[in-house]
Amino acid sequence: MRHFLSMALTRAGHEVESCADGLAALAALGGGVFDLLLADIIMPGMDGIELSHKAAALHPALKVMFITGFAAVAQSQQSSAEPGPRVLSKPFHLKELVDQVESLLAA
């Protein structure tokens, strides 16, 4: 799935760094500048929610989007005082993903 998501976003003109798991993503975030973290909630190594918290500490302006079959989990982790990450529930069409990413980056 990661491969298809990367291809769709690359074809839409985005630079994509794809990581195999949450720990690899955290390492990548520590060594670069990113506009958006796109993560599944359930991942090996470190789940997407924990990754998003650690990523926000590294890059406070980083936008976050989850893709997940567990949308209620992501939304329950949001603080009511601050806007939470965007959540795209599985299954979804690749065009929907691209549209959501572009909308989030434009905001």
PDB file of N, CA and C in Angstrom:
ATOM      1  N   MET A   1       0.825  -1.189   0.000  1.00  0.00           N
ATOM      2  CA  MET A   1       0.000   0.000   0.000  1.00  0.00           C
ATOM      3  C   MET A   1       0.870   1.254   0.000  1.00  0.00           C
ATOM      4  N   ARG A   2       1.950   1.235   0.793  1.00  0.00           N
ATOM      5  CA  ARG A   2       2.860   2.379   0.870  1.00  0.00           C
ATOM      6  C   ARG A   2       3.375   2.760  -0.514  1.00  0.00           C
ATOM      7  N   HIS A   3       3.677   1.762  -1.324  1.00  0.00           N
ATOM      8  CA  HIS A   3       4.186   2.008  -2.679  1.00  0.00           C
ATOM      9  C   HIS A   3       3.143   2.741  -3.529  1.00  0.00           C
ATOM     10  N   PHE A   4       1.898   2.312  -3.482  1.00  0.00           N
ATOM     11  CA  PHE A   4       0.844   2.941  -4.273  1.00  0.00           C
ATOM     12  C   PHE A   4       0.577   4.372  -3.810  1.00  0.00           C
ATOM     13  N   LEU A   5       0.592   4.597  -2.515  1.00  0.00           N
ATOM     14  CA  LEU A   5       0.383   5.949  -1.997  1.00  0.00           C
ATOM     15  C   LEU A   5       1.516   6.871  -2.435  1.00  0.00           C
ATOM     16  N   SER A   6       2.739   6.387  -2.337  1.00  0.00           N
ATOM     17  CA  SER A   6       3.897   7.176  -2.764  1.00  0.00           C
ATOM     18  C   SER A   6       3.819   7.515  -4.244  1.00  0.00           C
ATOM     19  N   MET A   7       3.469   6.532  -5.048  1.00  0.00           N
ATOM     20  CA  MET A   7       3.363   6.771  -6.496  1.00  0.00           C
ATOM     21  C   MET A   7       2.289   7.810  -6.801  1.00  0.00           C
ATOM     22  N   ALA A   8       1.143   7.705  -6.174  1.00  0.00           N
ATOM     23  CA  ALA A   8       0.048   8.642  -6.432  1.00  0.00           C
ATOM     24  C   ALA A   8       0.445  10.066  -6.054  1.00  0.00           C
ATOM     25  N   LEU A   9       1.078  10.228  -4.922  1.00  0.00           N
ATOM     26  CA  LEU A   9       1.480  11.562  -4.485  1.00  0.00           C
ATOM     27  C   LEU A   9       2.626  12.117  -5.335  1.00  0.00           C
ATOM     28  N   THR A  10       3.544  11.252  -5.740  1.00  0.00           N
ATOM     29  CA  THR A  10       4.636  11.682  -6.615  1.00  0.00           C
ATOM     30  C   THR A  10       4.085  12.125  -7.965  1.00  0.00           C
ATOM     31  N   ARG A  11       3.168  11.367  -8.525  1.00  0.00           N
ATOM     32  CA  ARG A  11       2.543  11.737  -9.798  1.00  0.00           C
ATOM     33  C   ARG A  11       1.785  13.052  -9.707  1.00  0.00           C
ATOM     34  N   ALA A  12       1.299  13.369  -8.518  1.00  0.00           N
ATOM     35  CA  ALA A  12       0.579  14.627  -8.319  1.00  0.00           C
ATOM     36  C   ALA A  12       1.535  15.803  -8.087  1.00  0.00           C
ATOM     37  N   GLY A  13       2.848  15.522  -8.104  1.00  0.00           N
ATOM     38  CA  GLY A  13       3.835  16.588  -7.998  1.00  0.00           C
ATOM     39  C   GLY A  13       4.446  16.790  -6.627  1.00  0.00           C
ATOM     40  N   HIS A  14       4.199  15.884  -5.699  1.00  0.00           N
ATOM     41  CA  HIS A  14       4.741  16.009  -4.348  1.00  0.00           C
ATOM     42  C   HIS A  14       6.033  15.221  -4.215  1.00  0.00           C
ATOM     43  N   GLU A  15       6.943  15.730  -3.403  1.00  0.00           N
ATOM     44  CA  GLU A  15       8.135  14.962  -3.041  1.00  0.00           C
ATOM     45  C   GLU A  15       7.743  14.057  -1.888  1.00  0.00           C
ATOM     46  N   VAL A  16       8.087  12.791  -1.996  1.00  0.00           N
ATOM     47  CA  VAL A  16       7.666  11.809  -1.004  1.00  0.00           C
ATOM     48  C   VAL A  16       8.879  11.061  -0.482  1.00  0.00           C
ATOM     49  N   GLU A  17       8.957  10.948   0.833  1.00  0.00           N
ATOM     50  CA  GLU A  17       9.931  10.056   1.448  1.00  0.00           C
ATOM     51  C   GLU A  17       9.132   8.970   2.155  1.00  0.00           C
ATOM     52  N   SER A  18       9.255   7.767   1.667  1.00  0.00           N
ATOM     53  CA  SER A  18       8.489   6.640   2.174  1.00  0.00           C
ATOM     54  C   SER A  18       9.331   5.863   3.182  1.00  0.00           C
ATOM     55  N   CYS A  19       8.720   5.511   4.299  1.00  0.00           N
ATOM     56  CA  CYS A  19       9.420   4.781   5.358  1.00  0.00           C
ATOM     57  C   CYS A  19       8.657   3.505   5.697  1.00  0.00           C
ATOM     58  N   ALA A  20       9.397   2.473   6.048  1.00  0.00           N
ATOM     59  CA  ALA A  20       8.820   1.157   6.298  1.00  0.00           C
ATOM     60  C   ALA A  20       8.037   1.068   7.604  1.00  0.00           C
ATOM     61  N   ASP A  21       8.379   1.907   8.582  1.00  0.00           N
ATOM     62  CA  ASP A  21       7.698   1.833   9.872  1.00  0.00           C
ATOM     63  C   ASP A  21       7.840   3.154  10.615  1.00  0.00           C
ATOM     64  N   GLY A  22       7.240   3.229  11.783  1.00  0.00           N
ATOM     65  CA  GLY A  22       7.259   4.460  12.557  1.00  0.00           C
ATOM     66  C   GLY A  22       8.646   4.879  13.014  1.00  0.00           C
ATOM     67  N   LEU A  23       9.490   3.935  13.362  1.00  0.00           N
ATOM     68  CA  LEU A  23      10.847   4.270  13.797  1.00  0.00           C
ATOM     69  C   LEU A  23      11.669   4.849  12.653  1.00  0.00           C
ATOM     70  N   ALA A  24      11.534   4.276  11.472  1.00  0.00           N
ATOM     71  CA  ALA A  24      12.239   4.805  10.299  1.00  0.00           C
ATOM     72  C   ALA A  24      11.721   6.195   9.944  1.00  0.00           C
ATOM     73  N   ALA A  25      10.425   6.403  10.089  1.00  0.00           N
ATOM     74  CA  ALA A  25       9.842   7.719   9.808  1.00  0.00           C
ATOM     75  C   ALA A  25      10.377   8.765  10.788  1.00  0.00           C
ATOM     76  N   LEU A  26      10.475   8.413  12.061  1.00  0.00           N
ATOM     77  CA  LEU A  26      11.002   9.344  13.050  1.00  0.00           C
ATOM     78  C   LEU A  26      12.450   9.710  12.729  1.00  0.00           C
ATOM     79  N   ALA A  27      13.237   8.732  12.328  1.00  0.00           N
ATOM     80  CA  ALA A  27      14.629   9.006  11.949  1.00  0.00           C
ATOM     81  C   ALA A  27      14.673   9.954  10.747  1.00  0.00           C
ATOM     82  N   ALA A  28      13.818   9.732   9.764  1.00  0.00           N
ATOM     83  CA  ALA A  28      13.781  10.605   8.584  1.00  0.00           C
ATOM     84  C   ALA A  28      13.366  12.018   8.978  1.00  0.00           C
ATOM     85  N   LEU A  29      12.392  12.129   9.865  1.00  0.00           N
ATOM     86  CA  LEU A  29      11.933  13.448  10.307  1.00  0.00           C
ATOM     87  C   LEU A  29      13.037  14.218  11.023  1.00  0.00           C
ATOM     88  N   GLY A  30      13.908  13.499  11.702  1.00  0.00           N
ATOM     89  CA  GLY A  30      15.007  14.147  12.414  1.00  0.00           C
ATOM     90  C   GLY A  30      16.076  14.691  11.494  1.00  0.00           C
ATOM     91  N   GLY A  31      16.100  14.216  10.253  1.00  0.00           N
ATOM     92  CA  GLY A  31      17.157  14.632   9.342  1.00  0.00           C
ATOM     93  C   GLY A  31      16.695  15.465   8.164  1.00  0.00           C
ATOM     94  N   GLY A  32      15.483  15.987   8.201  1.00  0.00           N
ATOM     95  CA  GLY A  32      15.010  16.744   7.048  1.00  0.00           C
ATOM     96  C   GLY A  32      13.944  17.748   7.414  1.00  0.00           C
ATOM     97  N   VAL A  33      13.480  18.443   6.377  1.00  0.00           N
ATOM     98  CA  VAL A  33      12.408  19.416   6.525  1.00  0.00           C
ATOM     99  C   VAL A  33      11.198  18.873   5.770  1.00  0.00           C
ATOM    100  N   PHE A  34      10.068  18.820   6.444  1.00  0.00           N
ATOM    101  CA  PHE A  34       8.861  18.236   5.865  1.00  0.00           C
ATOM    102  C   PHE A  34       7.677  19.144   6.112  1.00  0.00           C
ATOM    103  N   ASP A  35       6.721  19.110   5.189  1.00  0.00           N
ATOM    104  CA  ASP A  35       5.482  19.881   5.321  1.00  0.00           C
ATOM    105  C   ASP A  35       4.354  19.050   5.904  1.00  0.00           C
ATOM    106  N   LEU A  36       4.398  17.735   5.659  1.00  0.00           N
ATOM    107  CA  LEU A  36       3.284  16.874   6.016  1.00  0.00           C
ATOM    108  C   LEU A  36       3.783  15.504   6.446  1.00  0.00           C
ATOM    109  N   LEU A  37       3.196  14.997   7.505  1.00  0.00           N
ATOM    110  CA  LEU A  37       3.405  13.609   7.925  1.00  0.00           C
ATOM    111  C   LEU A  37       2.127  12.860   7.593  1.00  0.00           C
ATOM    112  N   LEU A  38       2.243  11.859   6.739  1.00  0.00           N
ATOM    113  CA  LEU A  38       1.125  10.984   6.388  1.00  0.00           C
ATOM    114  C   LEU A  38       1.444   9.624   6.973  1.00  0.00           C
ATOM    115  N   ALA A  39       0.645   9.183   7.923  1.00  0.00           N
ATOM    116  CA  ALA A  39       0.958   7.943   8.635  1.00  0.00           C
ATOM    117  C   ALA A  39      -0.298   7.131   8.887  1.00  0.00           C
ATOM    118  N   ASP A  40      -0.119   5.830   8.901  1.00  0.00           N
ATOM    119  CA  ASP A  40      -1.186   4.945   9.341  1.00  0.00           C
ATOM    120  C   ASP A  40      -1.148   4.937  10.867  1.00  0.00           C
ATOM    121  N   ILE A  41      -2.260   4.669  11.489  1.00  0.00           N
ATOM    122  CA  ILE A  41      -2.258   4.601  12.952  1.00  0.00           C
ATOM    123  C   ILE A  41      -1.571   3.323  13.420  1.00  0.00           C
ATOM    124  N   ILE A  42      -1.848   2.224  12.766  1.00  0.00           N
ATOM    125  CA  ILE A  42      -1.251   0.947  13.152  1.00  0.00           C
ATOM    126  C   ILE A  42      -0.041   0.693  12.261  1.00  0.00           C
ATOM    127  N   MET A  43       1.153   0.789  12.863  1.00  0.00           N
ATOM    128  CA  MET A  43       2.406   0.552  12.144  1.00  0.00           C
ATOM    129  C   MET A  43       3.362  -0.196  13.059  1.00  0.00           C
ATOM    130  N   PRO A  44       4.266  -0.949  12.476  1.00  0.00           N
ATOM    131  CA  PRO A  44       5.292  -1.580  13.307  1.00  0.00           C
ATOM    132  C   PRO A  44       6.279  -0.544  13.837  1.00  0.00           C
ATOM    133  N   GLY A  45       6.891  -0.853  14.955  1.00  0.00           N
ATOM    134  CA  GLY A  45       7.928   0.004  15.508  1.00  0.00           C
ATOM    135  C   GLY A  45       7.399   1.117  16.392  1.00  0.00           C
ATOM    136  N   MET A  46       6.483   1.901  15.866  1.00  0.00           N
ATOM    137  CA  MET A  46       5.885   3.009  16.606  1.00  0.00           C
ATOM    138  C   MET A  46       4.579   3.348  15.904  1.00  0.00           C
ATOM    139  N   ASP A  47       3.505   3.456  16.661  1.00  0.00           N
ATOM    140  CA  ASP A  47       2.228   3.742  16.005  1.00  0.00           C
ATOM    141  C   ASP A  47       2.179   5.195  15.526  1.00  0.00           C
ATOM    142  N   GLY A  48       1.227   5.468  14.654  1.00  0.00           N
ATOM    143  CA  GLY A  48       1.132   6.784  14.035  1.00  0.00           C
ATOM    144  C   GLY A  48       0.831   7.903  15.012  1.00  0.00           C
ATOM    145  N   ILE A  49       0.077   7.627  16.059  1.00  0.00           N
ATOM    146  CA  ILE A  49      -0.244   8.667  17.036  1.00  0.00           C
ATOM    147  C   ILE A  49       1.003   9.082  17.801  1.00  0.00           C
ATOM    148  N   GLU A  50       1.759   8.101  18.283  1.00  0.00           N
ATOM    149  CA  GLU A  50       3.010   8.423  18.982  1.00  0.00           C
ATOM    150  C   GLU A  50       3.979   9.132  18.042  1.00  0.00           C
ATOM    151  N   LEU A  51       4.068   8.651  16.805  1.00  0.00           N
ATOM    152  CA  LEU A  51       4.937   9.289  15.812  1.00  0.00           C
ATOM    153  C   LEU A  51       4.536  10.747  15.603  1.00  0.00           C
ATOM    154  N   SER A  52       3.246  11.016  15.510  1.00  0.00           N
ATOM    155  CA  SER A  52       2.807  12.396  15.278  1.00  0.00           C
ATOM    156  C   SER A  52       3.168  13.306  16.447  1.00  0.00           C
ATOM    157  N   HIS A  53       3.100  12.794  17.678  1.00  0.00           N
ATOM    158  CA  HIS A  53       3.488  13.594  18.841  1.00  0.00           C
ATOM    159  C   HIS A  53       4.986  13.902  18.821  1.00  0.00           C
ATOM    160  N   LYS A  54       5.794  12.910  18.501  1.00  0.00           N
ATOM    161  CA  LYS A  54       7.242  13.118  18.437  1.00  0.00           C
ATOM    162  C   LYS A  54       7.612  14.023  17.265  1.00  0.00           C
ATOM    163  N   ALA A  55       6.899  13.869  16.143  1.00  0.00           N
ATOM    164  CA  ALA A  55       7.152  14.708  14.971  1.00  0.00           C
ATOM    165  C   ALA A  55       6.819  16.168  15.270  1.00  0.00           C
ATOM    166  N   ALA A  56       5.734  16.416  16.006  1.00  0.00           N
ATOM    167  CA  ALA A  56       5.348  17.778  16.349  1.00  0.00           C
ATOM    168  C   ALA A  56       6.401  18.448  17.233  1.00  0.00           C
ATOM    169  N   ALA A  57       7.063  17.664  18.066  1.00  0.00           N
ATOM    170  CA  ALA A  57       8.133  18.222  18.900  1.00  0.00           C
ATOM    171  C   ALA A  57       9.323  18.649  18.037  1.00  0.00           C
ATOM    172  N   LEU A  58       9.580  17.899  16.964  1.00  0.00           N
ATOM    173  CA  LEU A  58      10.684  18.233  16.052  1.00  0.00           C
ATOM    174  C   LEU A  58      10.325  19.361  15.095  1.00  0.00           C
ATOM    175  N   HIS A  59       9.098  19.348  14.618  1.00  0.00           N
ATOM    176  CA  HIS A  59       8.625  20.297  13.607  1.00  0.00           C
ATOM    177  C   HIS A  59       7.240  20.801  14.015  1.00  0.00           C
ATOM    178  N   PRO A  60       7.177  21.845  14.833  1.00  0.00           N
ATOM    179  CA  PRO A  60       5.879  22.307  15.345  1.00  0.00           C
ATOM    180  C   PRO A  60       4.866  22.694  14.265  1.00  0.00           C
ATOM    181  N   ALA A  61       5.318  23.133  13.100  1.00  0.00           N
ATOM    182  CA  ALA A  61       4.399  23.544  12.031  1.00  0.00           C
ATOM    183  C   ALA A  61       3.995  22.383  11.118  1.00  0.00           C
ATOM    184  N   LEU A  62       4.486  21.192  11.391  1.00  0.00           N
ATOM    185  CA  LEU A  62       4.210  20.029  10.555  1.00  0.00           C
ATOM    186  C   LEU A  62       2.729  19.690  10.573  1.00  0.00           C
ATOM    187  N   LYS A  63       2.165  19.501   9.398  1.00  0.00           N
ATOM    188  CA  LYS A  63       0.766  19.082   9.297  1.00  0.00           C
ATOM    189  C   LYS A  63       0.736  17.557   9.339  1.00  0.00           C
ATOM    190  N   VAL A  64      -0.334  17.005   9.901  1.00  0.00           N
ATOM    191  CA  VAL A  64      -0.432  15.561  10.086  1.00  0.00           C
ATOM    192  C   VAL A  64      -1.728  15.054   9.483  1.00  0.00           C
ATOM    193  N   MET A  65      -1.603  13.927   8.806  1.00  0.00           N
ATOM    194  CA  MET A  65      -2.772  13.253   8.253  1.00  0.00           C
ATOM    195  C   MET A  65      -2.616  11.769   8.499  1.00  0.00           C
ATOM    196  N   PHE A  66      -3.674  11.164   9.024  1.00  0.00           N
ATOM    197  CA  PHE A  66      -3.685   9.720   9.237  1.00  0.00           C
ATOM    198  C   PHE A  66      -4.531   9.053   8.167  1.00  0.00           C
ATOM    199  N   ILE A  67      -4.060   7.904   7.713  1.00  0.00           N
ATOM    200  CA  ILE A  67      -4.894   7.004   6.922  1.00  0.00           C
ATOM    201  C   ILE A  67      -5.079   5.773   7.795  1.00  0.00           C
ATOM    202  N   THR A  68      -6.320   5.371   7.962  1.00  0.00           N
ATOM    203  CA  THR A  68      -6.547   4.300   8.917  1.00  0.00           C
ATOM    204  C   THR A  68      -7.913   3.658   8.759  1.00  0.00           C
ATOM    205  N   GLY A  69      -8.008   2.465   9.218  1.00  0.00           N
ATOM    206  CA  GLY A  69      -9.285   1.797   9.344  1.00  0.00           C
ATOM    207  C   GLY A  69      -9.865   2.011  10.731  1.00  0.00           C
ATOM    208  N   PHE A  70      -9.148   2.785  11.553  1.00  0.00           N
ATOM    209  CA  PHE A  70      -9.534   3.024  12.943  1.00  0.00           C
ATOM    210  C   PHE A  70      -9.704   4.514  13.191  1.00  0.00           C
ATOM    211  N   ALA A  71     -10.546   5.179  12.415  1.00  0.00           N
ATOM    212  CA  ALA A  71     -10.717   6.629  12.502  1.00  0.00           C
ATOM    213  C   ALA A  71     -11.118   7.085  13.896  1.00  0.00           C
ATOM    214  N   ALA A  72     -11.934   6.331  14.589  1.00  0.00           N
ATOM    215  CA  ALA A  72     -12.385   6.733  15.922  1.00  0.00           C
ATOM    216  C   ALA A  72     -11.219   6.821  16.897  1.00  0.00           C
ATOM    217  N   VAL A  73     -10.218   5.970  16.740  1.00  0.00           N
ATOM    218  CA  VAL A  73      -9.040   6.006  17.615  1.00  0.00           C
ATOM    219  C   VAL A  73      -8.289   7.309  17.412  1.00  0.00           C
ATOM    220  N   ALA A  74      -8.057   7.693  16.180  1.00  0.00           N
ATOM    221  CA  ALA A  74      -7.318   8.932  15.890  1.00  0.00           C
ATOM    222  C   ALA A  74      -8.065  10.142  16.415  1.00  0.00           C
ATOM    223  N   GLN A  75      -9.355  10.171  16.203  1.00  0.00           N
ATOM    224  CA  GLN A  75     -10.135  11.324  16.625  1.00  0.00           C
ATOM    225  C   GLN A  75     -10.235  11.399  18.141  1.00  0.00           C
ATOM    226  N   SER A  76     -10.217  10.287  18.834  1.00  0.00           N
ATOM    227  CA  SER A  76     -10.298  10.317  20.293  1.00  0.00           C
ATOM    228  C   SER A  76      -9.006  10.811  20.925  1.00  0.00           C
ATOM    229  N   GLN A  77      -7.907  10.770  20.188  1.00  0.00           N
ATOM    230  CA  GLN A  77      -6.612  11.226  20.699  1.00  0.00           C
ATOM    231  C   GLN A  77      -6.433  12.737  20.571  1.00  0.00           C
ATOM    232  N   GLN A  78      -7.316  13.402  19.850  1.00  0.00           N
ATOM    233  CA  GLN A  78      -7.203  14.825  19.625  1.00  0.00           C
ATOM    234  C   GLN A  78      -7.536  15.599  20.890  1.00  0.00           C
ATOM    235  N   SER A  79      -6.797  16.668  21.122  1.00  0.00           N
ATOM    236  CA  SER A  79      -7.118  17.599  22.194  1.00  0.00           C
ATOM    237  C   SER A  79      -8.204  18.537  21.686  1.00  0.00           C
ATOM    238  N   SER A  80      -9.152  18.864  22.528  1.00  0.00           N
ATOM    239  CA  SER A  80     -10.212  19.780  22.105  1.00  0.00           C
ATOM    240  C   SER A  80      -9.691  21.206  21.984  1.00  0.00           C
ATOM    241  N   ALA A  81      -8.532  21.517  22.557  1.00  0.00           N
ATOM    242  CA  ALA A  81      -7.981  22.865  22.521  1.00  0.00           C
ATOM    243  C   ALA A  81      -7.234  23.167  21.230  1.00  0.00           C
ATOM    244  N   GLU A  82      -6.842  22.166  20.503  1.00  0.00           N
ATOM    245  CA  GLU A  82      -6.078  22.387  19.268  1.00  0.00           C
ATOM    246  C   GLU A  82      -6.628  21.516  18.155  1.00  0.00           C
ATOM    247  N   PRO A  83      -6.487  21.998  16.915  1.00  0.00           N
ATOM    248  CA  PRO A  83      -6.992  21.187  15.808  1.00  0.00           C
ATOM    249  C   PRO A  83      -6.187  19.904  15.677  1.00  0.00           C
ATOM    250  N   GLY A  84      -6.876  18.825  15.434  1.00  0.00           N
ATOM    251  CA  GLY A  84      -6.211  17.536  15.320  1.00  0.00           C
ATOM    252  C   GLY A  84      -5.829  17.231  13.891  1.00  0.00           C
ATOM    253  N   PRO A  85      -5.212  16.094  13.711  1.00  0.00           N
ATOM    254  CA  PRO A  85      -4.814  15.697  12.367  1.00  0.00           C
ATOM    255  C   PRO A  85      -6.027  15.354  11.510  1.00  0.00           C
ATOM    256  N   ARG A  86      -5.842  15.481  10.232  1.00  0.00           N
ATOM    257  CA  ARG A  86      -6.889  15.047   9.309  1.00  0.00           C
ATOM    258  C   ARG A  86      -6.850  13.528   9.270  1.00  0.00           C
ATOM    259  N   VAL A  87      -8.017  12.905   9.160  1.00  0.00           N
ATOM    260  CA  VAL A  87      -8.109  11.447   9.143  1.00  0.00           C
ATOM    261  C   VAL A  87      -8.845  11.017   7.885  1.00  0.00           C
ATOM    262  N   LEU A  88      -8.207  10.146   7.110  1.00  0.00           N
ATOM    263  CA  LEU A  88      -8.812   9.571   5.915  1.00  0.00           C
ATOM    264  C   LEU A  88      -9.027   8.088   6.190  1.00  0.00           C
ATOM    265  N   SER A  89     -10.285   7.696   6.219  1.00  0.00           N
ATOM    266  CA  SER A  89     -10.624   6.313   6.572  1.00  0.00           C
ATOM    267  C   SER A  89     -10.499   5.386   5.373  1.00  0.00           C
ATOM    268  N   LYS A  90      -9.958   4.197   5.640  1.00  0.00           N
ATOM    269  CA  LYS A  90      -9.891   3.151   4.619  1.00  0.00           C
ATOM    270  C   LYS A  90     -11.254   2.508   4.500  1.00  0.00           C
ATOM    271  N   PRO A  91     -11.616   2.054   3.347  1.00  0.00           N
ATOM    272  CA  PRO A  91     -10.903   2.184   2.077  1.00  0.00           C
ATOM    273  C   PRO A  91     -11.139   3.570   1.479  1.00  0.00           C
ATOM    274  N   PHE A  92     -10.190   4.018   0.670  1.00  0.00           N
ATOM    275  CA  PHE A  92     -10.322   5.297  -0.012  1.00  0.00           C
ATOM    276  C   PHE A  92      -9.713   5.164  -1.399  1.00  0.00           C
ATOM    277  N   HIS A  93     -10.062   6.078  -2.269  1.00  0.00           N
ATOM    278  CA  HIS A  93      -9.529   6.120  -3.626  1.00  0.00           C
ATOM    279  C   HIS A  93      -8.266   6.980  -3.605  1.00  0.00           C
ATOM    280  N   LEU A  94      -7.278   6.646  -4.425  1.00  0.00           N
ATOM    281  CA  LEU A  94      -6.032   7.417  -4.443  1.00  0.00           C
ATOM    282  C   LEU A  94      -6.273   8.887  -4.768  1.00  0.00           C
ATOM    283  N   LYS A  95      -7.248   9.179  -5.627  1.00  0.00           N
ATOM    284  CA  LYS A  95      -7.567  10.575  -5.936  1.00  0.00           C
ATOM    285  C   LYS A  95      -8.045  11.304  -4.688  1.00  0.00           C
ATOM    286  N   GLU A  96      -8.812  10.628  -3.859  1.00  0.00           N
ATOM    287  CA  GLU A  96      -9.276  11.226  -2.610  1.00  0.00           C
ATOM    288  C   GLU A  96      -8.090  11.561  -1.707  1.00  0.00           C
ATOM    289  N   LEU A  97      -7.113  10.670  -1.649  1.00  0.00           N
ATOM    290  CA  LEU A  97      -5.913  10.926  -0.858  1.00  0.00           C
ATOM    291  C   LEU A  97      -5.197  12.169  -1.378  1.00  0.00           C
ATOM    292  N   VAL A  98      -4.960  12.210  -2.685  1.00  0.00           N
ATOM    293  CA  VAL A  98      -4.258  13.345  -3.285  1.00  0.00           C
ATOM    294  C   VAL A  98      -5.025  14.641  -3.008  1.00  0.00           C
ATOM    295  N   ASP A  99      -6.330  14.627  -3.181  1.00  0.00           N
ATOM    296  CA  ASP A  99      -7.143  15.810  -2.926  1.00  0.00           C
ATOM    297  C   ASP A  99      -7.043  16.258  -1.468  1.00  0.00           C
ATOM    298  N   GLN A 100      -7.089  15.319  -0.541  1.00  0.00           N
ATOM    299  CA  GLN A 100      -6.994  15.649   0.883  1.00  0.00           C
ATOM    300  C   GLN A 100      -5.617  16.215   1.234  1.00  0.00           C
ATOM    301  N   VAL A 101      -4.560  15.621   0.678  1.00  0.00           N
ATOM    302  CA  VAL A 101      -3.197  16.106   0.932  1.00  0.00           C
ATOM    303  C   VAL A 101      -3.061  17.530   0.396  1.00  0.00           C
ATOM    304  N   GLU A 102      -3.515  17.761  -0.814  1.00  0.00           N
ATOM    305  CA  GLU A 102      -3.398  19.095  -1.402  1.00  0.00           C
ATOM    306  C   GLU A 102      -4.205  20.128  -0.617  1.00  0.00           C
ATOM    307  N   SER A 103      -5.380  19.746  -0.159  1.00  0.00           N
ATOM    308  CA  SER A 103      -6.212  20.643   0.655  1.00  0.00           C
ATOM    309  C   SER A 103      -5.514  20.986   1.967  1.00  0.00           C
ATOM    310  N   LEU A 104      -4.942  19.991   2.607  1.00  0.00           N
ATOM    311  CA  LEU A 104      -4.268  20.198   3.882  1.00  0.00           C
ATOM    312  C   LEU A 104      -3.023  21.082   3.715  1.00  0.00           C
ATOM    313  N   LEU A 105      -2.265  20.835   2.662  1.00  0.00           N
ATOM    314  CA  LEU A 105      -1.059  21.639   2.433  1.00  0.00           C
ATOM    315  C   LEU A 105      -1.399  23.083   2.074  1.00  0.00           C
ATOM    316  N   ALA A 106      -2.540  23.293   1.444  1.00  0.00           N
ATOM    317  CA  ALA A 106      -2.951  24.650   1.060  1.00  0.00           C
ATOM    318  C   ALA A 106      -3.518  25.441   2.238  1.00  0.00           C
ATOM    319  N   ALA A 107      -3.910  24.746   3.276  1.00  0.00           N
ATOM    320  CA  ALA A 107      -4.555  25.423   4.431  1.00  0.00           C
ATOM    321  C   ALA A 107      -3.548  26.234   5.238  1.00  0.00           C
TER     322      ALA A 107
END
